[in-house]
Amino acid sequence: MNIVEVKDNKNCIVKKHNDLVNKARYSLSEDGIKLVSMLIAMIRTDDETFQEYHIKVSDFAKLKGSNSKNNYESVHKIIKELLSCPIKIGNLQANFIASGEYKEGTATAVFEISQKLKPYLLELKKDFLEYDLKDILSLKSGYVIRLYEMIVQQWREYKHYNKNAKSFTFDFDIEEMRTLFEIPDSYRYNDVKRIIDKAQQQFKEKTNITFDYEEYKIGRAVKRLKITVRENNKGSNDILASRKAFINYIRETYKPNPDKNHFPVVINTKSGDVKVNLNGEIYLSGNDDVKTYDNKQADKLWDWLYELVKENTNILNNPNEENLLQ
């Protein structure tokens, strides 16, 4: 088993099957969800099995913006939580991690992800949600993070087929939210509404989306919401503010749609057209062949593209232009 260490790296991308977003039933704390997301971001695109994941306590604290001197106690607590709070998907019941151990000598936590989650985290080709880890690190509350994932998944799926859309409205079932988030029965609707209002405020202030909602009642009880989601230009960073933000933007904006035989070109070069595949991997498509890259080569190509676009943003092609050759 290989060892993977977390770094303040170039590609902290969380990628999970949609079933982990809109069918999984579990309840984790804010720190629990953030640590799980950190582990998922350490999974490489070409991994066929889970590795042993090492996270320095100081790195975890830095990523979530904590100045506490008791971060090691927090990690101990999270390990205990992840081993005692199962995730349920259909008839499957498992823990997020198979094991977690704190190494005092190196102030490092070592994790193994549950093998039962392989279909939901490894070798994903379709039906998945992908976002930058930093998108959730400023959110407060596990419920708010879950809402962010669910709403973004709906929004991204709609945008994939309606690239020029400015907004999207969909129905959101309150009872389903209670079930998936495992909200205690003692919570009345007003308590649930406070979670939604908190999410609405935090999304507007800290994320790349915002939303409004209308309540729909059956009798006197609110049973569902009609949520309208939009891009949040105020909350989102400029795509060139960081390399990670740029890569995430390219992966989302130029994602191909094989069903419509649409493979958008990021930029044209003398050597061929720069594109990304469904997994977000960058490649070069020439007249006669397709050139793929290993991780180091891909990093260099991303670096080159990022610097090129920083000099001239107009070099990027319109992603909606037809390009029928993969």
Foldseek 3Di string as FASTA:
>chain_A
DDEFEDDPDLFQKAKWACCVQQAKAWADKLLLVLVLSSLLSRDDQQDPFWDKYKYALVNSCVLLVHPDPCSLVVVVVSQVVQQPIWMDGPPDTDGQWPHWDQDVVRNMIITHGDRVRCVTRYNDQDRMDMDHSSQSSPAHTPLLSSVVSNVVSVVLVVCVVVVPDFKDKDKFFPVSSCRRNVPDPPDDVVNVVVSVVSSQVCCLAAHQKHKDWDFDDDVPDTTMIIIMMGTRPNRDDDCLPGLNSVLRCQCSLQEADVVVLAGFFFAADPQATWGAYSSSQIWGDHPPDIGHDDPVVSVVVSVVVSVVCVVPVVRTDRSPDGDNDD
